[in-house]
Protein backbone atom coordinates (compact mmCIF):
# COMPACT_ATOMS: atom_id res chain seq x y z
CA MET A 1 0.00 0.00 0.00
CA ALA A 2 2.85 2.39 0.79
CA GLU A 3 4.35 1.79 -2.63
CA ALA A 4 0.99 2.32 -4.33
CA LEU A 5 0.47 5.60 -2.50
CA ALA A 6 3.98 6.84 -3.29
CA ARG A 7 3.68 5.96 -6.97
CA GLY A 8 0.26 7.61 -7.14
CA PHE A 9 1.46 10.81 -5.51
CA ILE A 10 4.35 11.02 -7.96
CA ALA A 11 2.28 10.12 -11.02
CA LYS A 12 -0.29 12.81 -10.25
CA GLY A 13 2.41 15.41 -9.57
CA VAL A 14 1.41 16.19 -5.99
CA LEU A 15 4.88 15.14 -4.83
CA GLN A 16 8.28 14.68 -6.43
CA ALA A 17 10.05 11.36 -5.91
CA GLY A 18 12.78 13.13 -3.97
CA ASP A 19 10.19 14.37 -1.47
CA ILE A 20 9.50 10.79 -0.33
CA THR A 21 11.57 8.89 2.22
CA ALA A 22 10.69 5.30 3.14
CA ASN A 23 11.96 2.61 5.45
CA ASP A 24 11.24 -1.11 5.42
CA PRO A 25 12.74 -4.09 7.23
CA SER A 26 13.16 -5.72 3.83
CA ALA A 27 16.11 -4.57 1.73
CA ASP A 28 14.23 -5.64 -1.40
CA ARG A 29 11.33 -3.37 -0.52
CA LYS A 30 13.70 -0.46 -0.04
CA LYS A 31 15.07 -1.11 -3.52
CA VAL A 32 11.53 -0.83 -4.90
CA PHE A 33 11.29 2.73 -3.59
CA GLN A 34 14.75 3.53 -4.90
CA SER A 35 13.71 2.21 -8.32
CA PHE A 36 11.40 5.19 -8.78
CA ASP A 37 13.86 7.64 -7.20
CA ALA A 38 12.36 7.85 -3.72
CA ASN A 39 14.77 7.91 -0.79
CA ALA A 40 15.44 4.76 1.23
CA ALA A 41 16.10 5.42 4.92
CA SER A 42 18.16 3.34 7.29
CA SER A 43 15.70 3.79 10.18
CA ASN A 44 12.22 4.96 11.06
CA VAL A 45 13.72 7.92 12.90
CA GLU A 46 15.41 9.00 9.66
CA VAL A 47 12.04 8.91 7.90
CA VAL A 48 10.55 11.20 10.54
CA GLU A 49 13.48 13.60 10.42
CA ASN A 50 13.13 13.94 6.64
CA SER A 51 9.33 14.24 6.49
CA ASP A 52 6.52 16.61 7.40
CA ILE A 53 3.78 14.01 6.84
CA VAL A 54 4.61 10.59 8.26
CA PHE A 55 2.66 7.62 6.92
CA LEU A 56 2.27 4.54 9.08
CA ALA A 57 1.79 1.81 6.47
CA VAL A 58 2.49 -1.20 8.66
CA LYS A 59 0.51 -4.13 10.03
CA PRO A 60 -1.71 -3.13 12.98
CA GLN A 61 0.41 -5.03 15.50
CA PHE A 62 3.45 -2.94 14.58
CA VAL A 63 1.83 0.50 14.76
CA GLN A 64 2.36 1.16 18.45
CA PRO A 65 5.96 -0.14 18.58
CA VAL A 66 6.88 2.05 15.59
CA LEU A 67 5.21 5.12 17.07
CA LYS A 68 6.90 4.60 20.42
CA GLU A 69 10.22 4.29 18.60
CA VAL A 70 9.86 7.68 16.91
CA ARG A 71 7.69 9.64 19.36
CA GLU A 72 10.58 11.67 20.75
CA HIS A 73 11.37 12.84 17.21
CA LEU A 74 7.82 13.94 16.34
CA THR A 75 7.56 17.73 16.53
CA ASP A 76 5.01 20.44 15.79
CA ARG A 77 5.78 20.21 12.08
CA HIS A 78 4.74 16.56 11.81
CA THR A 79 1.39 15.11 10.83
CA VAL A 80 1.11 11.36 11.42
CA VAL A 81 -1.18 9.48 9.02
CA SER A 82 -2.10 5.93 9.96
CA ILE A 83 -3.64 3.57 7.39
CA ALA A 84 -3.57 0.62 9.79
CA ALA A 85 -6.95 -1.08 10.17
CA GLY A 86 -8.55 -1.12 13.60
CA LYS A 87 -6.11 1.21 15.33
CA THR A 88 -8.16 3.93 17.00
CA LEU A 89 -7.14 7.55 17.37
CA SER A 90 -6.89 7.08 21.13
CA SER A 91 -4.43 4.19 20.75
CA LEU A 92 -2.42 6.12 18.16
CA LEU A 93 -2.24 9.17 20.42
CA GLU A 94 -1.24 7.07 23.39
CA ALA A 95 1.69 5.65 21.45
CA ALA A 96 2.71 8.88 19.70
CA GLY A 97 2.06 11.30 22.53
CA GLY A 98 -1.22 13.05 23.31
CA ASP A 99 -0.19 16.39 21.83
CA LYS A 100 0.55 15.08 18.32
CA ARG A 101 -1.36 15.69 15.08
CA ILE A 102 -2.89 12.39 14.00
CA VAL A 103 -5.00 11.54 10.96
CA ARG A 104 -6.49 8.09 10.64
CA VAL A 105 -7.28 6.98 7.07
CA MET A 106 -9.15 3.89 5.90
CA PRO A 107 -8.22 3.27 2.24
CA ASN A 108 -9.03 0.19 0.17
CA THR A 109 -7.06 -2.00 -2.22
CA PRO A 110 -8.02 -0.19 -5.47
CA CYS A 111 -5.42 2.28 -4.24
CA LEU A 112 -3.09 -0.09 -6.10
CA VAL A 113 -4.58 1.11 -9.39
CA GLY A 114 -5.13 4.73 -8.34
CA GLU A 115 -8.84 4.37 -7.59
CA THR A 116 -9.11 4.11 -3.83
CA ALA A 117 -12.22 4.95 -1.84
CA SER A 118 -10.91 6.35 1.45
CA ALA A 119 -12.23 8.00 4.58
CA MET A 120 -10.32 9.97 7.19
CA CYS A 121 -10.83 11.34 10.68
CA LEU A 122 -8.73 13.74 12.74
CA GLY A 123 -7.26 13.26 16.19
CA GLY A 124 -5.06 15.06 18.69
CA ARG A 125 -4.08 18.50 17.46
CA ALA A 126 -4.80 17.73 13.80
CA ASN A 127 -6.63 20.63 12.17
CA GLU A 128 -8.24 21.60 8.87
CA GLU A 129 -4.83 22.33 7.36
CA ASP A 130 -3.81 18.74 8.05
CA ALA A 131 -7.10 17.49 6.63
CA GLU A 132 -6.58 19.47 3.45
CA ALA A 133 -3.03 18.13 3.01
CA VAL A 134 -4.22 14.54 3.41
CA ARG A 135 -7.22 15.20 1.18
CA LYS A 136 -4.94 16.51 -1.57
CA LEU A 137 -2.70 13.44 -1.39
CA PHE A 138 -5.44 10.82 -1.36
CA SER A 139 -7.44 12.61 -4.05
CA ALA A 140 -4.47 11.87 -6.30
CA VAL A 141 -5.11 8.12 -5.92
CA GLY A 142 -8.90 8.09 -5.82
CA ARG A 143 -11.50 9.71 -3.58
CA ILE A 144 -11.50 10.55 0.13
CA VAL A 145 -14.17 11.78 2.51
CA GLN A 146 -13.93 13.04 6.09
CA VAL A 147 -16.05 11.38 8.78
CA ASP A 148 -16.26 11.05 12.54
CA GLU A 149 -14.22 8.15 13.85
CA LYS A 150 -17.37 6.36 15.01
CA LEU A 151 -18.23 5.87 11.32
CA LEU A 152 -14.92 4.27 10.30
CA SER A 153 -16.21 0.77 11.05
CA ALA A 154 -19.04 1.40 8.60
CA VAL A 155 -16.49 2.65 6.08
CA THR A 156 -14.53 -0.57 6.64
CA GLY A 157 -17.66 -2.64 6.08
CA LEU A 158 -18.58 -0.78 2.89
CA SER A 159 -15.52 0.41 0.99
CA GLY A 160 -12.81 -1.39 2.96
CA SER A 161 -14.33 -4.83 2.42
CA GLY A 162 -16.38 -3.78 -0.62
CA PRO A 163 -13.82 -4.72 -3.29
CA ALA A 164 -14.22 -8.37 -2.29
CA TYR A 165 -17.98 -8.12 -2.81
CA VAL A 166 -17.50 -6.46 -6.19
CA PHE A 167 -14.97 -9.12 -7.26
CA LEU A 168 -17.60 -11.72 -6.36
CA VAL A 169 -20.15 -9.89 -8.51
CA ILE A 170 -17.72 -9.74 -11.44
CA GLU A 171 -16.91 -13.42 -11.06
CA ALA A 172 -20.60 -14.33 -10.93
CA LEU A 173 -21.45 -12.20 -13.97
CA ALA A 174 -18.59 -13.80 -15.87
CA ASP A 175 -19.79 -17.27 -14.85
CA GLY A 176 -23.19 -16.35 -16.20
CA GLY A 177 -21.59 -15.33 -19.47
CA VAL A 178 -19.72 -18.61 -19.67
CA ARG A 179 -22.93 -20.51 -18.91
CA ALA A 180 -24.55 -18.64 -21.77
CA GLY A 181 -21.73 -19.63 -24.14
CA LEU A 182 -19.07 -16.91 -23.95
CA PRO A 183 -15.36 -17.79 -23.71
CA ARG A 184 -14.07 -17.22 -20.15
CA ASP A 185 -11.62 -14.42 -21.02
CA ILE A 186 -14.25 -12.48 -22.94
CA ALA A 187 -16.83 -12.97 -20.19
CA VAL A 188 -14.48 -11.69 -17.50
CA ALA A 189 -13.43 -8.67 -19.57
CA LEU A 190 -17.04 -7.74 -20.35
CA ALA A 191 -18.14 -8.21 -16.74
CA ALA A 192 -15.28 -6.12 -15.32
CA GLN A 193 -15.74 -3.34 -17.87
CA THR A 194 -19.47 -3.30 -17.19
CA VAL A 195 -18.86 -2.78 -13.48
CA LEU A 196 -16.25 -0.10 -14.19
CA GLY A 197 -18.50 1.76 -16.62
CA SER A 198 -21.53 1.52 -14.35
CA ALA A 199 -19.57 2.90 -11.40
CA LYS A 200 -18.31 5.77 -13.53
CA MET A 201 -21.87 6.62 -14.57
CA VAL A 202 -22.91 6.87 -10.90
CA LEU A 203 -19.97 9.11 -10.02
CA ASP A 204 -19.99 11.26 -13.15
CA THR A 205 -23.75 11.83 -13.47
CA GLY A 206 -24.54 12.15 -9.77
CA LYS A 207 -27.80 10.33 -10.44
CA HIS A 208 -29.25 7.87 -7.95
CA PRO A 209 -28.28 4.27 -8.80
CA GLY A 210 -31.96 3.33 -8.78
CA LEU A 211 -32.69 5.90 -11.48
CA LEU A 212 -29.82 4.65 -13.62
CA LYS A 213 -31.10 1.10 -13.14
CA ASP A 214 -34.56 2.15 -14.31
CA MET A 215 -33.04 3.73 -17.43
CA VAL A 216 -31.70 0.29 -18.44
CA THR A 217 -34.83 -1.64 -17.49
CA SER A 218 -37.33 -1.61 -20.37
CA PRO A 219 -40.88 -2.89 -19.82
CA GLY A 220 -41.03 -6.62 -20.51
CA GLY A 221 -37.39 -6.64 -21.60
CA THR A 222 -34.32 -8.73 -20.90
CA THR A 223 -32.99 -6.64 -18.02
CA ILE A 224 -36.15 -6.77 -15.91
CA ALA A 225 -36.27 -10.54 -16.43
CA GLY A 226 -32.74 -10.85 -15.05
CA TYR A 227 -33.38 -8.30 -12.32
CA HIS A 228 -36.38 -10.27 -11.13
CA GLU A 229 -34.11 -13.28 -10.60
CA LEU A 230 -31.70 -11.17 -8.55
CA GLU A 231 -34.54 -10.04 -6.30
CA LYS A 232 -35.75 -13.63 -5.89
CA GLY A 233 -32.21 -14.63 -4.94
CA GLY A 234 -31.96 -11.95 -2.28
CA VAL A 235 -28.89 -10.30 -3.83
CA ARG A 236 -29.77 -6.83 -2.49
CA ALA A 237 -30.34 -8.12 1.05
CA GLY A 238 -27.19 -10.23 0.86
CA LEU A 239 -25.02 -7.22 0.03
CA ILE A 240 -26.62 -5.11 2.76
CA ASN A 241 -26.04 -7.89 5.27
CA ALA A 242 -22.42 -8.29 4.14
CA VAL A 243 -21.71 -4.61 4.85
CA LEU A 244 -23.39 -4.82 8.25
CA ALA A 245 -21.53 -8.02 9.20
CA ALA A 246 -18.18 -6.53 8.20
CA THR A 247 -19.00 -3.33 10.12
CA GLN A 248 -19.78 -5.32 13.24
CA ARG A 249 -16.54 -7.28 12.91
CA ALA A 250 -14.58 -4.04 12.43
CA ASP A 251 -16.10 -2.74 15.68
CA GLU A 252 -15.04 -5.92 17.46
CA LEU A 253 -11.48 -5.77 16.13
CA SER A 254 -11.06 -2.11 17.10
CA LYS A 255 -11.66 -3.07 20.74
CA LEU A 256 -9.01 -5.81 20.87
């Protein structure tokens, strides 16, 4: 995820490669950053000393140890951005120091292709200037909204876990195409492009998805016949329940 963010920031021109310093326990991962002219640091402290915005792109269990390692080097100029799932603002502040500027961001995996759906919330002394800086960066690799922290579990259930649901939909649509006689590669390509184009219509037109659905659904036509089968199969309820179940699990994990 850190690599995807760095590449996206550079590609969109919001940062130069030389503005980025990264550290990783793996020498091979450091070489990846060096391959696109970012700076490889020898320690986490060096990253902090060379940065104004410090991204924590580590597994949740490593967040607090890393913050405690660098906390004495975090100053008024630093904004700490955590993309670690389940780590609350209170736990981040406890590890970093209660007077720090903390922004918690929940991105999703389409960040890897520059199309993330992210949400952020502010903690500690983080202010609107910090929010705007983070918004500018994440807008370069997709979309970001600002919410209260209490809503981040819902964000996790919807957009955090959502790509898995959409991949399932694409796979199922492609299976339907194969069942109807299409070659597998063509079916997958058509299904994926259909989802991509449909999503773009929602975002670009600003129209309610239900209205766009009605525009495709002619009286007595093929689409309403297929749509009827989806309703009989409980697809709508299944997706709603998936988001709610993932939200509940995110709440549980945040309390561990």
